[in-house]
């Protein structure tokens, strides 16, 4: 039986070569030094590796962009209008070549790359074979360069993660660090492809990791910044698009952006449902059809391209034209519709490539169309059409990919204009809510489940109802004693208490606890004038505050019977206590167990 293409070898650490460059030996020696007990240096080494990963990730994206451009130039020539025969034959032949390479040599290169990176983090201990990086580079450059309606950003994310994974294994990092290093590389690849480090960092945290993990956040930021520096060094520091000036002409113009949010949300649903419907059906066809599915998709895209060549490839140049009012609203609407169709054809056929660029293209065309219609009927209320195209890009991002934070920061970072924040938030929020209402599962979760993987749903994680200590704690009816209290008095007060467990506060915010029986037995062996200090345990109890998450209370509780719940503004005040039965009762009430 053949192993699944996603199944890693038994060990997540590749054996080192018999002899290697001196640099690897020195780095491994440093790591051995760390493992001997100097763990405080490991975090610094991780940050250094993040910079190195960013440099390699940025360089790989530069080469990837050049490979795509050269492939497109060789395939279609340098003319503005290639002959129709090339428009039909090039994507068809390119599809055949890509399918052969993916099936025979690079099975892990299939897909966009986002879910594959998440699977590496959550299932395979950060393992991404380096031949996946090579395969992704070759097949995606060939696919996008020959006209498949996909983009380079998602593949760049996976290539960056693969480079980071290979480096971590080569240096024999611990399993935890190898698992964390893949998102660091993912941020590097995406930042260089987008030329937008902030958006890349937020996307990786929002979609790949799912939380603001302080242990990896600094490394992600360093890798993203260093990769962008490399890409700008070679490709220039120009933004992906020439952003026209924006200003809000009249508050009533916000209604047009709200309408754009509705249109973007509906279009997002149509896009997701088309992919969700067609992808499993094509995968269920006989295996031999996988050799021809990308070719058929390429042929159909070529047919569309005879009339609308703009839908072929990533289409960044045409996004720029839409921002500068180069198309009528009818053409913009048709381009958006045909891009949804062509990108769906490419993606569901198994052609490697990303969905970021198609999403941006569709959003820009829809935004431009809405702006043009608004300008036609209400010219005195409408600002520049480029602003509508720009906001439309974020709108589709929020509705289709369901990453609301990334969608807002992407528009702000690309435009460099904070004044556009209000239209962006209005339109993106409406599109996101519509998508949530009528499409239960987000795209990435949907794709992972179709592939038989139950990856963590980052959207569900973000919206989980947190249960806090204040939801579980109960009032403490027993005695709260002072550490300097005479032992005899303390025993008497404890005997009057209805609680079998007593708490002692030392006057400095530290809390101790012991059972009434232990206090009684200790008092028998000590002289008359002894105080509570002489019988207390050496270590104070851990305590929690009412707003702490219940998971933190469980972690601190350990084998203890009760935890004191202390007021944040007054460490001497006991708000209540919490124990394991309280925690379980709160979880049941929240529907978690």
Protein backbone atom coordinates (compact mmCIF):
# COMPACT_ATOMS: atom_id res chain seq x y z
CA UNK A 1 0.00 0.00 0.00
CA UNK A 2 1.38 3.42 -0.93
CA UNK A 3 1.85 5.88 1.89
CA UNK A 4 -0.20 9.05 1.94
CA UNK A 5 1.66 11.99 0.40
CA UNK A 6 1.13 13.84 3.66
CA UNK A 7 2.65 11.10 5.82
CA UNK A 8 6.11 11.99 7.13
CA UNK A 9 8.82 9.42 7.79
CA UNK A 10 8.89 7.72 11.17
CA UNK A 11 11.34 10.25 12.57
CA UNK A 12 10.76 13.96 12.18
CA UNK A 13 14.51 14.56 12.20
CA UNK A 14 16.44 13.85 9.04
CA UNK A 15 19.85 12.19 9.60
CA UNK A 16 22.71 14.59 9.03
CA UNK A 17 24.99 14.03 6.11
CA UNK A 18 28.24 12.17 6.82
CA UNK A 19 30.21 15.34 6.33
CA UNK A 20 28.91 18.87 6.03
CA UNK A 21 30.04 22.48 5.88
CA UNK A 22 31.75 23.83 8.93
CA UNK A 23 28.89 26.23 9.61
CA UNK A 24 26.46 23.37 10.32
CA UNK A 25 28.93 21.76 12.72
CA UNK A 26 29.39 25.03 14.59
CA UNK A 27 25.66 25.68 14.84
CA UNK A 28 25.02 22.14 16.05
CA UNK A 29 27.77 22.59 18.64
CA UNK A 30 26.00 25.72 19.88
CA UNK A 31 22.74 23.82 20.16
CA UNK A 32 24.44 21.03 22.11
CA UNK A 33 25.74 23.70 24.48
CA UNK A 34 22.19 24.93 24.90
CA UNK A 35 20.92 21.42 25.66
CA UNK A 36 23.53 20.99 28.39
CA UNK A 37 21.59 23.39 30.57
CA UNK A 38 21.92 26.92 29.21
CA UNK A 39 18.33 27.11 27.99
CA UNK A 40 18.19 30.86 28.44
CA UNK A 41 20.19 31.14 25.20
CA UNK A 42 17.78 29.08 23.11
CA UNK A 43 15.33 31.95 22.67
CA UNK A 44 18.11 34.19 21.37
CA UNK A 45 19.25 31.49 18.95
CA UNK A 46 15.67 31.11 17.75
CA UNK A 47 15.50 34.83 16.95
CA UNK A 48 18.78 34.61 15.05
CA UNK A 49 17.43 31.69 13.05
CA UNK A 50 14.30 33.74 12.31
CA UNK A 51 16.44 36.39 10.62
CA UNK A 52 18.33 33.72 8.62
CA UNK A 53 15.03 32.12 7.61
CA UNK A 54 13.74 35.53 6.52
CA UNK A 55 16.78 36.07 4.31
CA UNK A 56 16.46 32.67 2.64
CA UNK A 57 12.68 33.01 2.39
CA UNK A 58 12.93 36.44 0.77
CA UNK A 59 15.53 35.22 -1.71
CA UNK A 60 13.40 32.20 -2.65
CA UNK A 61 10.40 34.46 -3.33
CA UNK A 62 12.54 36.76 -5.50
CA UNK A 63 13.63 33.76 -7.58
CA UNK A 64 10.05 32.50 -7.66
CA UNK A 65 8.74 35.81 -9.03
CA UNK A 66 11.48 35.88 -11.66
CA UNK A 67 10.70 32.28 -12.65
CA UNK A 68 7.00 33.12 -13.10
CA UNK A 69 7.80 36.18 -15.23
CA UNK A 70 10.26 34.29 -17.42
CA UNK A 71 7.85 31.39 -17.87
CA UNK A 72 5.09 33.77 -18.93
CA UNK A 73 7.44 35.58 -21.32
CA UNK A 74 8.62 32.34 -22.93
CA UNK A 75 5.11 30.91 -23.12
CA UNK A 76 3.17 33.88 -24.45
CA UNK A 77 5.88 36.10 -25.92
CA UNK A 78 6.41 39.77 -25.27
CA UNK A 79 3.40 41.02 -27.23
CA UNK A 80 0.41 42.60 -25.54
CA UNK A 81 -2.07 40.40 -27.43
CA UNK A 82 -0.82 36.82 -27.91
CA UNK A 83 -2.43 34.88 -30.77
CA UNK A 84 -5.47 32.85 -29.84
CA UNK A 85 -3.66 29.62 -30.62
CA UNK A 86 -1.17 30.34 -27.83
CA UNK A 87 -3.96 31.29 -25.46
CA UNK A 88 -5.48 27.84 -26.00
CA UNK A 89 -2.37 25.66 -26.28
CA UNK A 90 -0.07 27.14 -23.62
CA UNK A 91 -2.34 26.62 -20.56
CA UNK A 92 -3.38 23.21 -21.88
CA UNK A 93 0.18 21.94 -22.37
CA UNK A 94 1.24 23.63 -19.15
CA UNK A 95 -1.55 21.83 -17.31
CA UNK A 96 -0.38 18.47 -18.64
CA UNK A 97 3.18 19.17 -17.56
CA UNK A 98 2.14 20.35 -14.11
CA UNK A 99 -0.09 17.32 -13.55
CA UNK A 100 2.70 14.94 -14.55
CA UNK A 101 5.20 16.61 -12.21
CA UNK A 102 2.79 16.69 -9.27
CA UNK A 103 1.61 13.10 -9.59
CA UNK A 104 4.99 11.51 -10.35
CA UNK A 105 7.49 13.62 -8.43
CA UNK A 106 5.92 16.23 -6.12
CA UNK A 107 2.63 14.94 -4.62
CA UNK A 108 2.95 17.27 -1.62
CA UNK A 109 3.00 20.33 -3.91
CA UNK A 110 -0.72 20.02 -4.58
CA UNK A 111 -3.00 22.70 -3.14
CA UNK A 112 -2.47 26.28 -2.11
CA UNK A 113 0.00 25.68 0.72
CA UNK A 114 -1.83 27.21 3.69
CA UNK A 115 -3.49 24.03 4.95
CA UNK A 116 -0.36 22.02 4.22
CA UNK A 117 1.59 24.35 6.49
CA UNK A 118 -1.07 24.10 9.21
CA UNK A 119 -0.92 20.31 8.93
CA UNK A 120 2.85 20.43 9.36
CA UNK A 121 2.43 22.49 12.56
CA UNK A 122 -0.39 20.50 14.16
CA UNK A 123 0.09 16.96 12.84
CA UNK A 124 3.63 16.39 11.60
CA UNK A 125 5.73 18.19 14.22
CA UNK A 126 6.72 20.92 11.78
CA UNK A 127 7.94 18.44 9.15
CA UNK A 128 7.86 19.75 5.57
CA UNK A 129 10.17 17.83 3.21
CA UNK A 130 12.51 20.08 1.30
CA UNK A 131 11.54 18.48 -2.00
CA UNK A 132 8.11 20.05 -1.38
CA UNK A 133 9.77 23.46 -1.58
CA UNK A 134 11.43 22.49 -4.88
CA UNK A 135 8.21 21.00 -6.22
CA UNK A 136 6.14 24.00 -5.21
CA UNK A 137 8.62 26.35 -6.86
CA UNK A 138 8.69 24.46 -10.17
CA UNK A 139 5.03 23.51 -10.52
CA UNK A 140 3.59 26.84 -9.40
CA UNK A 141 5.96 28.87 -11.56
CA UNK A 142 4.96 26.68 -14.52
CA UNK A 143 1.24 26.80 -13.72
CA UNK A 144 0.96 30.55 -13.09
CA UNK A 145 3.37 31.40 -15.90
CA UNK A 146 1.34 29.40 -18.42
CA UNK A 147 -1.92 31.13 -17.51
CA UNK A 148 -3.57 29.15 -14.72
CA UNK A 149 -5.74 31.57 -12.75
CA UNK A 150 -3.85 31.31 -9.46
CA UNK A 151 -1.38 33.39 -7.45
CA UNK A 152 2.09 33.11 -5.90
CA UNK A 153 1.41 34.18 -2.30
CA UNK A 154 0.14 30.92 -0.76
CA UNK A 155 2.91 28.86 -2.42
CA UNK A 156 5.45 31.39 -1.15
CA UNK A 157 4.08 30.86 2.36
CA UNK A 158 4.59 27.09 2.09
CA UNK A 159 8.03 27.46 0.55
CA UNK A 160 9.11 29.70 3.41
CA UNK A 161 7.74 27.19 5.93
CA UNK A 162 9.54 24.37 4.14
CA UNK A 163 12.87 26.23 4.19
CA UNK A 164 12.43 26.91 7.92
CA UNK A 165 11.51 23.27 8.60
CA UNK A 166 14.57 21.98 6.73
CA UNK A 167 16.84 24.40 8.59
CA UNK A 168 15.39 23.41 11.95
CA UNK A 169 15.89 19.71 11.26
CA UNK A 170 19.39 20.25 9.92
CA UNK A 171 20.33 22.03 13.15
CA UNK A 172 18.63 19.32 15.22
CA UNK A 173 16.33 21.69 17.03
CA UNK A 174 13.96 20.25 19.62
CA UNK A 175 10.57 19.00 18.46
CA UNK A 176 8.85 22.05 19.96
CA UNK A 177 11.14 24.47 18.13
CA UNK A 178 10.83 22.60 14.81
CA UNK A 179 7.05 22.81 15.17
CA UNK A 180 7.21 26.54 15.87
CA UNK A 181 9.74 27.35 13.18
CA UNK A 182 7.42 26.47 10.28
CA UNK A 183 5.10 29.48 10.91
CA UNK A 184 8.21 31.67 11.16
CA UNK A 185 9.16 30.64 7.63
CA UNK A 186 5.56 30.98 6.47
CA UNK A 187 5.54 34.63 7.55
CA UNK A 188 8.81 35.22 5.69
CA UNK A 189 7.48 33.76 2.44
CA UNK A 190 4.15 35.56 2.58
CA UNK A 191 5.67 38.90 3.56
CA UNK A 192 8.08 38.84 0.64
CA UNK A 193 5.34 37.82 -1.80
CA UNK A 194 2.96 40.52 -0.56
CA UNK A 195 5.63 43.13 0.15
CA UNK A 196 3.58 43.69 3.30
CA UNK A 197 5.18 42.38 6.51
CA UNK A 198 2.43 43.46 8.92
CA UNK A 199 -0.30 41.70 6.95
CA UNK A 200 1.85 38.57 6.66
CA UNK A 201 2.48 38.46 10.41
CA UNK A 202 -1.22 38.92 11.20
CA UNK A 203 -2.30 36.28 8.67
CA UNK A 204 0.11 33.67 10.03
CA UNK A 205 -1.06 34.38 13.58
CA UNK A 206 -4.72 34.60 12.59
CA UNK A 207 -4.89 31.52 10.37
CA UNK A 208 -1.84 29.26 10.84
CA UNK A 209 -1.14 29.51 14.58
CA UNK A 210 -4.46 30.81 15.86
CA UNK A 211 -3.19 32.76 18.88
CA UNK A 212 -0.74 35.48 19.81
CA UNK A 213 1.94 33.14 21.13
CA UNK A 214 4.54 35.40 22.73
CA UNK A 215 7.19 32.71 22.35
CA UNK A 216 7.03 32.85 18.56
CA UNK A 217 5.66 36.34 17.81
CA UNK A 218 9.05 38.06 17.91
CA UNK A 219 10.57 35.46 15.59
CA UNK A 220 7.67 35.81 13.13
CA UNK A 221 8.08 39.58 13.02
CA UNK A 222 11.87 39.35 12.50
CA UNK A 223 11.55 36.81 9.69
CA UNK A 224 8.84 38.85 7.92
CA UNK A 225 10.83 42.07 8.11
CA UNK A 226 14.11 40.50 6.96
CA UNK A 227 12.42 38.75 4.02
CA UNK A 228 10.82 42.01 2.87
CA UNK A 229 14.19 43.74 3.04
CA UNK A 230 15.64 41.08 0.74
CA UNK A 231 12.76 41.23 -1.73
CA UNK A 232 12.88 45.02 -1.85
CA UNK A 233 16.64 44.94 -2.34
CA UNK A 234 16.27 42.88 -5.53
CA UNK A 235 12.82 43.87 -6.81
CA UNK A 236 12.59 47.45 -5.58
CA UNK A 237 10.57 48.98 -2.79
CA UNK A 238 7.56 49.88 -4.92
CA UNK A 239 4.21 48.67 -3.63
CA UNK A 240 2.34 45.98 -5.56
CA UNK A 241 -0.10 48.61 -6.80
CA UNK A 242 0.01 52.32 -7.53
CA UNK A 243 -2.51 53.58 -4.99
CA UNK A 244 -4.38 56.75 -5.98
CA UNK A 245 -5.11 59.44 -3.41
CA UNK A 246 -8.19 58.89 -1.27
CA UNK A 247 -10.56 61.30 0.42
CA UNK A 248 -14.14 60.91 1.60
CA UNK A 249 -16.26 63.36 -0.40
CA UNK A 250 -19.47 63.06 1.61
CA UNK A 251 -20.62 60.85 4.53
CA UNK A 252 -23.36 59.46 2.26
CA UNK A 253 -20.58 57.82 0.24
CA UNK A 254 -20.26 55.28 3.05
CA UNK A 255 -23.56 53.78 1.83
CA UNK A 256 -21.80 52.82 -1.39
CA UNK A 257 -19.09 51.05 0.61
CA UNK A 258 -21.81 49.26 2.56
CA UNK A 259 -23.33 48.14 -0.76
CA UNK A 260 -19.86 46.94 -1.78
CA UNK A 261 -19.76 44.88 1.42
CA UNK A 262 -23.06 43.21 0.51
CA UNK A 263 -21.95 42.47 -3.07
CA UNK A 264 -18.57 41.25 -1.85
CA UNK A 265 -20.17 38.97 0.73
CA UNK A 266 -22.53 37.41 -1.82
CA UNK A 267 -19.67 36.96 -4.31
CA UNK A 268 -17.55 35.33 -1.61
CA UNK A 269 -20.28 32.81 -0.87
CA UNK A 270 -20.64 31.98 -4.58
CA UNK A 271 -16.87 31.53 -4.89
CA UNK A 272 -16.60 29.24 -1.85
CA UNK A 273 -19.63 27.16 -2.75
CA UNK A 274 -18.38 26.63 -6.30
CA UNK A 275 -15.04 25.35 -5.00
CA UNK A 276 -16.73 23.26 -2.29
CA UNK A 277 -19.08 21.65 -4.80
CA UNK A 278 -16.65 20.88 -7.61
CA UNK A 279 -13.46 19.90 -5.75
CA UNK A 280 -14.60 16.62 -4.10
CA UNK A 281 -16.37 15.53 -7.27
CA UNK A 282 -13.26 15.94 -9.39
CA UNK A 283 -11.15 14.17 -6.75
CA UNK A 284 -13.59 11.23 -6.84
CA UNK A 285 -13.02 10.65 -10.57
CA UNK A 286 -10.69 7.81 -11.67
CA UNK A 287 -7.02 8.42 -10.93
CA UNK A 288 -6.02 8.67 -14.60
CA UNK A 289 -8.18 11.78 -14.97
CA UNK A 290 -5.87 13.65 -12.59
CA UNK A 291 -3.33 13.75 -15.42
CA UNK A 292 -5.72 15.68 -17.64
CA UNK A 293 -7.82 17.76 -15.21
CA UNK A 294 -5.32 20.69 -15.07
CA UNK A 295 -5.05 20.56 -18.86
CA UNK A 296 -8.83 20.72 -19.28
CA UNK A 297 -8.96 23.59 -16.80
CA UNK A 298 -6.18 25.33 -18.75
CA UNK A 299 -8.06 24.87 -22.03
CA UNK A 300 -11.26 26.35 -20.60
CA UNK A 301 -9.32 29.26 -19.12
CA UNK A 302 -7.66 29.78 -22.49
CA UNK A 303 -11.09 29.95 -24.14
CA UNK A 304 -12.13 32.62 -21.63
CA UNK A 305 -8.80 34.33 -22.22
CA UNK A 306 -9.52 34.83 -25.93
CA UNK A 307 -12.01 37.51 -24.90
CA UNK A 308 -10.76 38.30 -21.40
CA UNK A 309 -7.02 37.56 -21.18
CA UNK A 310 -6.93 39.54 -17.92
CA UNK A 311 -8.20 36.51 -15.97
CA UNK A 312 -5.10 34.46 -16.82
CA UNK A 313 -2.29 34.32 -14.27
CA UNK A 314 -2.19 36.43 -11.10
CA UNK A 315 -3.41 39.59 -12.87
CA UNK A 316 -1.66 42.20 -10.72
CA UNK A 317 -1.18 44.55 -13.64
CA UNK A 318 -4.89 44.58 -14.34
CA UNK A 319 -5.70 45.27 -10.70
CA UNK A 320 -3.54 48.35 -11.05
CA UNK A 321 -5.46 49.36 -14.19
CA UNK A 322 -8.78 48.92 -12.40
CA UNK A 323 -7.57 51.28 -9.69
CA UNK A 324 -6.89 53.92 -12.31
CA UNK A 325 -10.25 53.72 -14.10
CA UNK A 326 -9.10 51.84 -17.19
CA UNK A 327 -12.27 49.72 -17.57
CA UNK A 328 -15.99 50.36 -17.76
CA UNK A 329 -18.14 49.01 -14.95
CA UNK A 330 -19.60 46.34 -17.27
CA UNK A 331 -16.11 45.01 -18.10
CA UNK A 332 -15.14 45.09 -14.43
CA UNK A 333 -18.20 43.05 -13.44
CA UNK A 334 -17.52 40.50 -16.22
CA UNK A 335 -13.87 40.22 -15.20
CA UNK A 336 -14.90 39.51 -11.60
CA UNK A 337 -17.37 36.82 -12.68
CA UNK A 338 -14.95 35.12 -15.09
CA UNK A 339 -12.13 35.28 -12.55
CA UNK A 340 -14.33 33.41 -10.05
CA UNK A 341 -14.97 30.77 -12.71
CA UNK A 342 -11.40 30.49 -13.97
CA UNK A 343 -9.81 30.42 -10.51
CA UNK A 344 -12.27 27.76 -9.39
CA UNK A 345 -11.39 25.68 -12.47
CA UNK A 346 -7.68 25.91 -11.74
CA UNK A 347 -7.95 25.20 -8.03
CA UNK A 348 -10.40 22.28 -8.09
CA UNK A 349 -8.41 20.57 -10.87
CA UNK A 350 -5.52 20.09 -8.43
CA UNK A 351 -3.22 22.65 -10.04
CA UNK A 352 -0.78 23.99 -7.43
CA UNK A 353 -1.20 27.68 -6.76
CA UNK A 354 -2.65 30.22 -4.39
CA UNK A 355 -6.01 31.88 -3.92
CA UNK A 356 -4.80 35.20 -2.55
CA UNK A 357 -4.20 36.85 -5.91
CA UNK A 358 -7.55 35.74 -7.42
CA UNK A 359 -9.30 37.06 -4.31
CA UNK A 360 -7.61 40.43 -4.65
CA UNK A 361 -8.39 40.54 -8.39
CA UNK A 362 -12.08 39.75 -7.91
CA UNK A 363 -12.38 42.26 -5.09
CA UNK A 364 -10.69 45.02 -7.07
CA UNK A 365 -12.99 44.44 -10.07
CA UNK A 366 -16.12 44.39 -7.94
CA UNK A 367 -15.01 47.49 -6.06
CA UNK A 368 -14.22 49.31 -9.27
CA UNK A 369 -17.62 48.34 -10.72
CA UNK A 370 -19.48 49.63 -7.64
CA UNK A 371 -17.46 52.85 -7.70
CA UNK A 372 -18.14 53.37 -11.41
CA UNK A 373 -21.90 52.90 -10.98
CA UNK A 374 -21.88 55.23 -8.00
CA UNK A 375 -19.91 57.81 -9.96
CA UNK A 376 -22.33 57.55 -12.90
CA UNK A 377 -25.46 58.19 -10.83
CA UNK A 378 -24.07 60.33 -8.00
CA UNK A 379 -20.93 62.07 -9.28
CA UNK A 380 -21.07 64.73 -6.56
CA UNK A 381 -20.88 62.05 -3.80
CA UNK A 382 -18.10 59.86 -5.16
CA UNK A 383 -14.38 59.96 -4.48
CA UNK A 384 -11.72 58.32 -6.60
CA UNK A 385 -12.57 54.95 -8.16
CA UNK A 386 -9.23 53.54 -7.01
CA UNK A 387 -10.43 53.67 -3.42
CA UNK A 388 -13.38 51.43 -4.26
CA UNK A 389 -11.09 48.92 -5.96
CA UNK A 390 -8.75 48.98 -2.97
CA UNK A 391 -11.55 48.52 -0.45
CA UNK A 392 -13.01 45.77 -2.65
CA UNK A 393 -9.76 43.83 -2.35
CA UNK A 394 -10.05 43.78 1.41
CA UNK A 395 -13.76 43.03 1.21
CA UNK A 396 -13.28 39.80 -0.77
CA UNK A 397 -10.40 38.87 1.50
CA UNK A 398 -12.66 39.20 4.54
CA UNK A 399 -15.55 37.34 2.95
CA UNK A 400 -13.77 34.57 1.03
CA UNK A 401 -10.78 33.76 3.25
CA UNK A 402 -12.50 34.84 6.50
CA UNK A 403 -9.48 36.56 8.00
CA UNK A 404 -10.99 39.88 9.12
CA UNK A 405 -7.93 41.35 10.82
CA UNK A 406 -5.63 40.58 7.91
CA UNK A 407 -8.09 42.07 5.44
CA UNK A 408 -8.16 45.42 7.24
CA UNK A 409 -4.42 45.71 7.81
CA UNK A 410 -3.66 44.59 4.26
CA UNK A 411 -5.57 47.53 2.80
CA UNK A 412 -4.01 49.97 5.27
CA UNK A 413 -0.50 48.65 4.60
CA UNK A 414 -0.87 48.63 0.83
CA UNK A 415 -2.44 52.09 0.70
CA UNK A 416 -0.39 53.74 3.44
CA UNK A 417 -3.46 55.89 4.13
CA UNK A 418 -5.13 55.56 7.52
CA UNK A 419 -8.06 57.76 6.46
CA UNK A 420 -9.45 54.86 4.42
CA UNK A 421 -9.99 52.80 7.58
CA UNK A 422 -13.70 53.66 7.95
CA UNK A 423 -14.80 52.46 4.47
CA UNK A 424 -12.59 49.38 4.87
CA UNK A 425 -14.10 48.42 8.22
CA UNK A 426 -17.68 48.98 7.05
CA UNK A 427 -17.32 46.97 3.85
CA UNK A 428 -15.17 44.19 5.31
CA UNK A 429 -17.40 43.68 8.32
CA UNK A 430 -20.55 43.39 6.20
CA UNK A 431 -18.90 40.91 3.81
CA UNK A 432 -17.54 38.85 6.70
CA UNK A 433 -20.90 38.70 8.48
CA UNK A 434 -22.74 37.70 5.30
CA UNK A 435 -20.19 34.97 4.65
CA UNK A 436 -20.52 33.73 8.22
CA UNK A 437 -24.30 33.71 8.00
CA UNK A 438 -24.65 31.74 4.76
CA UNK A 439 -21.48 29.65 4.67
CA UNK A 440 -21.01 27.76 7.92
CA UNK A 441 -17.44 26.58 7.32
CA UNK A 442 -14.57 28.82 6.23
CA UNK A 443 -12.62 27.93 3.11
CA UNK A 444 -9.49 26.58 4.79
CA UNK A 445 -11.50 24.45 7.24
CA UNK A 446 -13.62 23.16 4.38
CA UNK A 447 -10.56 22.16 2.33
CA UNK A 448 -8.88 20.39 5.24
CA UNK A 449 -12.00 18.34 5.97
CA UNK A 450 -12.34 17.41 2.30
CA UNK A 451 -8.76 16.14 2.52
CA UNK A 452 -9.58 14.02 5.56
CA UNK A 453 -7.74 16.18 8.10
CA UNK A 454 -9.30 17.70 11.20
CA UNK A 455 -7.09 20.76 11.57
CA UNK A 456 -7.90 23.31 14.27
CA UNK A 457 -10.47 25.81 13.09
CA UNK A 458 -8.90 29.19 13.78
CA UNK A 459 -12.22 30.92 13.25
CA UNK A 460 -13.87 28.72 15.87
CA UNK A 461 -10.98 29.32 18.24
CA UNK A 462 -11.31 33.08 17.89
CA UNK A 463 -15.00 32.92 18.70
CA UNK A 464 -14.99 30.40 21.52
CA UNK A 465 -16.78 31.59 24.64
CA UNK A 466 -14.16 31.82 27.35
CA UNK A 467 -15.00 30.49 30.79
CA UNK A 468 -13.34 32.40 33.61
CA UNK A 469 -12.58 31.75 37.25
CA UNK A 470 -15.42 34.06 38.30
CA UNK A 471 -17.84 31.68 36.53
CA UNK A 472 -16.66 28.76 38.67
CA UNK A 473 -15.56 30.07 42.08
CA UNK A 474 -17.70 29.90 45.18
CA UNK A 475 -17.72 31.99 48.32
CA UNK A 476 -15.41 30.89 51.10
CA UNK A 477 -17.24 30.50 54.43
CA UNK A 478 -14.26 29.51 56.52
CA UNK A 479 -11.69 31.39 58.53
CA UNK A 480 -9.08 33.62 56.90
CA UNK A 481 -6.20 33.76 59.35
CA UNK A 482 -3.19 36.06 59.69
CA UNK A 483 0.31 34.61 59.72
CA UNK A 484 1.22 36.36 63.00
CA UNK A 485 -1.91 35.16 64.78
CA UNK A 486 -1.27 33.09 67.95
CA UNK A 487 -1.57 29.41 67.19
CA UNK A 488 -4.11 28.83 69.97
CA UNK A 489 -6.37 31.59 68.68
CA UNK A 490 -6.04 30.30 65.10
CA UNK A 491 -7.09 26.80 66.15
CA UNK A 492 -10.09 28.16 67.99
CA UNK A 493 -11.21 30.19 64.98
CA UNK A 494 -10.69 27.23 62.68
CA UNK A 495 -12.85 25.03 64.92
CA UNK A 496 -15.69 27.55 64.62
CA UNK A 497 -15.42 27.56 60.81
CA UNK A 498 -17.78 25.56 58.62
CA UNK A 499 -14.93 24.85 56.18
CA UNK A 500 -12.43 22.03 56.73
CA UNK A 501 -9.70 24.02 54.93
CA UNK A 502 -8.30 27.29 56.30
CA UNK A 503 -6.41 30.04 54.47
CA UNK A 504 -3.62 32.16 55.92
CA UNK A 505 -2.45 35.51 54.50
CA UNK A 506 1.05 36.74 55.34
CA UNK A 507 0.36 40.46 54.99
CA UNK A 508 2.44 40.67 51.78
CA UNK A 509 -0.06 39.16 49.38
CA UNK A 510 1.07 35.52 49.77
CA UNK A 511 -1.51 32.90 50.71
CA UNK A 512 -1.04 29.60 52.55
CA UNK A 513 -3.50 26.84 53.27
CA UNK A 514 -3.86 23.74 55.41
CA UNK A 515 -6.61 21.49 56.67
CA UNK A 516 -8.14 22.03 60.09
CA UNK A 517 -6.88 18.62 61.25
CA UNK A 518 -3.28 19.46 60.25
CA UNK A 519 -3.52 22.76 62.12
CA UNK A 520 -4.88 21.00 65.19
CA UNK A 521 -2.15 18.33 65.23
CA UNK A 522 0.62 20.91 64.76
CA UNK A 523 -0.68 22.98 67.65
CA UNK A 524 -0.32 20.03 70.06
CA UNK A 525 3.46 19.82 69.53
CA UNK A 526 4.36 23.53 69.82
CA UNK A 527 4.74 25.79 72.86
CA UNK A 528 1.98 28.06 74.09
CA UNK A 529 3.21 31.32 72.50
CA UNK A 530 3.81 29.98 68.99
CA UNK A 531 2.24 31.74 66.02
CA UNK A 532 0.83 30.43 62.77
CA UNK A 533 4.10 31.23 60.97
CA UNK A 534 5.80 28.29 62.71
CA UNK A 535 3.41 25.68 61.31
CA UNK A 536 2.76 26.87 57.78
CA UNK A 537 4.14 25.06 54.71
CA UNK A 538 7.31 26.50 53.25
CA UNK A 539 5.80 27.34 49.84
CA UNK A 540 2.75 29.60 49.42
CA UNK A 541 -0.26 28.47 47.43
CA UNK A 542 -0.62 29.63 43.83
CA UNK A 543 -3.57 31.96 43.48
CA UNK A 544 -5.79 33.18 40.64
CA UNK A 545 -7.86 36.26 39.95
CA UNK A 546 -11.55 36.28 38.96
CA UNK A 547 -10.79 37.21 35.32
CA UNK A 548 -8.28 34.41 34.79
CA UNK A 549 -9.26 31.78 32.20
CA UNK A 550 -10.44 28.55 33.77
CA UNK A 551 -7.69 26.63 31.97
CA UNK A 552 -5.14 28.68 33.92
CA UNK A 553 -6.88 27.78 37.17
CA UNK A 554 -6.68 24.09 36.25
CA UNK A 555 -3.00 24.40 35.46
CA UNK A 556 -2.24 26.07 38.79
CA UNK A 557 -4.52 23.79 40.77
CA UNK A 558 -2.56 20.63 40.01
CA UNK A 559 -3.01 18.22 42.91
CA UNK A 560 -4.21 20.93 45.29
CA UNK A 561 -7.65 20.84 46.83
CA UNK A 562 -8.55 24.54 46.52
CA UNK A 563 -7.09 27.70 45.06
CA UNK A 564 -7.61 31.13 46.61
CA UNK A 565 -9.21 33.68 44.28
CA UNK A 566 -7.64 37.04 45.12
CA UNK A 567 -8.82 40.55 44.29
CA UNK A 568 -6.56 42.24 41.72
CA UNK A 569 -6.74 45.63 43.43
CA UNK A 570 -6.23 44.25 46.94
CA UNK A 571 -4.02 41.17 47.33
CA UNK A 572 -5.16 40.82 50.95
CA UNK A 573 -8.81 40.32 49.96
CA UNK A 574 -10.08 36.80 49.30
CA UNK A 575 -12.85 36.91 46.67
CA UNK A 576 -13.59 33.20 46.91
CA UNK A 577 -12.12 29.77 46.23
CA UNK A 578 -12.14 27.38 43.28
CA UNK A 579 -11.59 23.63 43.14
CA UNK A 580 -11.85 20.86 40.58
CA UNK A 581 -15.61 20.22 41.15
CA UNK A 582 -16.24 23.94 40.60
CA UNK A 583 -14.27 23.90 37.35
CA UNK A 584 -16.08 20.86 35.99
CA UNK A 585 -19.45 22.36 36.93
CA UNK A 586 -18.59 25.59 35.08
CA UNK A 587 -17.50 23.69 31.99
CA UNK A 588 -20.74 21.70 31.98
CA UNK A 589 -22.77 24.87 32.30
CA UNK A 590 -20.91 26.34 29.31
CA UNK A 591 -21.60 23.18 27.27
CA UNK A 592 -17.93 22.22 26.97
CA UNK A 593 -18.30 18.78 28.58
